[in-house]
Amino acid sequence: MTFGEKIKNLRKSKNLNQTQLANAIGVSLRTIRGWEIEGRYPKQHELYQKLADVLGCDVSYLMTEEESFVTEAAEQYGSRGAKQAQQILEQAAAMFAGGELSDDDKTAFMDEIQMLYLDSKKRAKKFTPKRYLKDAPQE
C-alpha cells in the first residue's frame, strides 16, 4: 500500500475530508491531494508525526524505509536531493524486476545504496564552493 493510500484510508476511517485533515496538520488542501493522488511525500519529517497523531496510527506505519530515505534527502539536500533519492529507488527497483534475490537481500542492498548516497552527498559538500552552500555566510 502506498503512502497516499494509507493516508486516504486512515482519513476516511476517521470521517475526515481532505480539507479537515489539511487544517488539522497545518498544510494546504493541495498538499493532501498531492500525497493521496499524485504520490508525493511530506517534505518535513515532523509532518509524519502530525499525521500519525491526527489519524491515530503509528509513525512507522506511515513511513516506510524508502519514504524515510526520500524525506531525509529532501531535508538535507532540498528538492534536488529528494529527486535523486527517488531516482535511486526507482532504478534499484528496476534491477530487482524478475530477479531471484530474497527480500532480506533486497533490503540489505537498498540499505547500503541509501547509506552510500547520503555519505557521498556529505563528502561532496566538502568540495562545494561556499557561495553555493545555502548555510554558508554571505560575503
Protein backbone atom coordinates (compact mmCIF):
# COMPACT_ATOMS: atom_id res chain seq x y z
CA MET A 1 0.00 0.00 0.00
CA THR A 2 1.38 3.40 -0.93
CA PHE A 3 1.75 6.34 1.42
CA GLY A 4 -1.15 8.13 -0.28
CA GLU A 5 -3.43 5.09 0.02
CA LYS A 6 -2.58 4.80 3.73
CA ILE A 7 -3.43 8.47 4.30
CA LYS A 8 -6.67 8.23 2.36
CA ASN A 9 -7.84 5.06 4.15
CA LEU A 10 -6.99 6.42 7.60
CA ARG A 11 -8.59 9.78 6.82
CA LYS A 12 -11.81 8.12 5.66
CA SER A 13 -11.88 5.83 8.71
CA LYS A 14 -11.76 8.96 10.90
CA ASN A 15 -14.57 10.54 8.81
CA LEU A 16 -12.37 13.45 7.78
CA ASN A 17 -12.37 15.12 4.40
CA GLN A 18 -9.14 16.37 2.81
CA THR A 19 -9.74 19.95 3.94
CA GLN A 20 -10.27 18.91 7.56
CA LEU A 21 -7.08 16.86 7.55
CA ALA A 22 -5.13 19.70 5.95
CA ASN A 23 -6.35 22.15 8.61
CA ALA A 24 -5.60 19.70 11.42
CA ILE A 25 -1.94 19.30 10.47
CA GLY A 26 -1.34 22.80 9.10
CA VAL A 27 -0.86 22.16 5.39
CA SER A 28 -2.82 23.11 2.29
CA LEU A 29 -5.54 21.07 0.62
CA ARG A 30 -3.25 20.83 -2.40
CA THR A 31 -0.62 19.15 -0.23
CA ILE A 32 -3.09 16.48 0.91
CA ARG A 33 -4.18 15.90 -2.68
CA GLY A 34 -0.54 15.64 -3.72
CA TRP A 35 0.01 12.90 -1.17
CA GLU A 36 -3.18 10.96 -1.90
CA ILE A 37 -3.44 11.34 -5.66
CA GLU A 38 -0.04 12.30 -7.07
CA GLY A 39 2.13 10.00 -4.98
CA ARG A 40 4.06 12.75 -3.21
CA TYR A 41 5.55 12.57 0.27
CA PRO A 42 5.84 15.08 3.13
CA LYS A 43 8.93 17.26 2.81
CA GLN A 44 9.31 17.78 6.55
CA HIS A 45 9.82 14.82 8.84
CA GLU A 46 7.62 16.32 11.57
CA LEU A 47 4.57 16.10 9.28
CA TYR A 48 4.64 12.33 9.64
CA GLN A 49 4.21 12.69 13.39
CA LYS A 50 1.38 15.21 12.97
CA LEU A 51 -0.37 12.87 10.55
CA ALA A 52 0.07 9.92 12.90
CA ASP A 53 -1.37 11.93 15.81
CA VAL A 54 -4.41 13.14 13.87
CA LEU A 55 -5.06 9.82 12.14
CA GLY A 56 -4.45 7.71 15.25
CA CYS A 57 -1.71 5.47 13.93
CA ASP A 58 1.97 4.81 14.48
CA VAL A 59 4.51 6.88 12.54
CA SER A 60 6.26 3.71 11.39
CA TYR A 61 3.04 2.63 9.63
CA LEU A 62 3.10 5.79 7.54
CA MET A 63 6.81 5.88 6.88
CA THR A 64 8.49 3.02 5.09
CA GLU A 65 12.28 2.93 4.84
CA GLU A 66 12.09 4.22 1.28
CA GLU A 67 9.91 7.17 2.28
CA SER A 68 12.25 7.88 5.16
CA PHE A 69 15.19 7.94 2.73
CA VAL A 70 13.48 10.38 0.35
CA THR A 71 12.39 12.61 3.25
CA GLU A 72 15.88 12.64 4.76
CA ALA A 73 17.40 13.50 1.38
CA ALA A 74 14.86 16.32 0.95
CA GLU A 75 15.56 17.76 4.39
CA GLN A 76 19.31 17.69 3.92
CA TYR A 77 19.64 18.49 0.21
CA GLY A 78 16.36 20.06 -0.88
CA SER A 79 14.13 19.08 -3.76
CA ARG A 80 17.08 18.07 -5.92
CA GLY A 81 18.23 15.62 -3.25
CA ALA A 82 14.72 14.20 -2.99
CA LYS A 83 14.53 13.71 -6.76
CA GLN A 84 17.92 11.99 -6.79
CA ALA A 85 16.88 9.72 -3.92
CA GLN A 86 13.65 8.82 -5.71
CA GLN A 87 15.58 8.03 -8.90
CA ILE A 88 17.93 5.76 -6.96
CA LEU A 89 14.97 3.87 -5.51
CA GLU A 90 13.29 3.52 -8.90
CA GLN A 91 16.46 2.33 -10.64
CA ALA A 92 17.23 -0.14 -7.87
CA ALA A 93 13.66 -1.49 -8.05
CA ALA A 94 14.09 -1.97 -11.80
CA MET A 95 17.21 -4.03 -11.13
CA PHE A 96 15.17 -6.43 -9.00
CA ALA A 97 12.45 -6.97 -11.59
CA GLY A 98 12.26 -10.65 -12.37
CA GLY A 99 15.27 -11.36 -10.17
CA GLU A 100 15.82 -14.07 -7.66
CA LEU A 101 17.05 -12.12 -4.63
CA SER A 102 15.41 -12.81 -1.30
CA ASP A 103 13.59 -10.00 0.48
CA ASP A 104 16.39 -9.86 3.06
CA ASP A 105 19.00 -9.46 0.31
CA LYS A 106 16.94 -6.74 -1.38
CA THR A 107 16.58 -4.88 1.93
CA ALA A 108 20.31 -5.15 2.63
CA PHE A 109 21.10 -3.86 -0.86
CA MET A 110 18.70 -0.92 -0.54
CA ASP A 111 20.05 -0.01 2.90
CA GLU A 112 23.59 0.01 1.54
CA ILE A 113 22.67 2.09 -1.53
CA GLN A 114 20.88 4.65 0.66
CA MET A 115 23.85 4.89 3.03
CA LEU A 116 26.27 5.30 0.11
CA TYR A 117 24.17 8.06 -1.42
CA LEU A 118 23.93 10.07 1.81
CA ASP A 119 27.63 9.55 2.54
CA SER A 120 28.63 10.66 -0.96
CA LYS A 121 26.49 13.81 -0.64
CA LYS A 122 28.22 14.67 2.66
CA ARG A 123 31.65 14.15 1.12
CA ALA A 124 30.79 16.21 -1.95
CA LYS A 125 29.71 19.08 0.29
CA LYS A 126 33.34 19.42 1.46
CA PHE A 127 34.35 20.39 -2.06
CA THR A 128 31.45 22.68 -2.86
CA PRO A 129 32.38 26.37 -3.07
CA LYS A 130 30.92 28.33 -0.15
CA ARG A 131 28.83 30.57 -2.39
CA TYR A 132 26.75 27.51 -3.41
CA LEU A 133 26.10 26.28 0.12
CA LYS A 134 22.79 27.51 1.49
CA ASP A 135 24.11 27.58 5.09
CA ALA A 136 27.33 29.42 4.22
CA PRO A 137 27.72 33.04 5.36
CA GLN A 138 27.39 35.53 2.53
CA GLU A 139 30.49 37.59 1.78
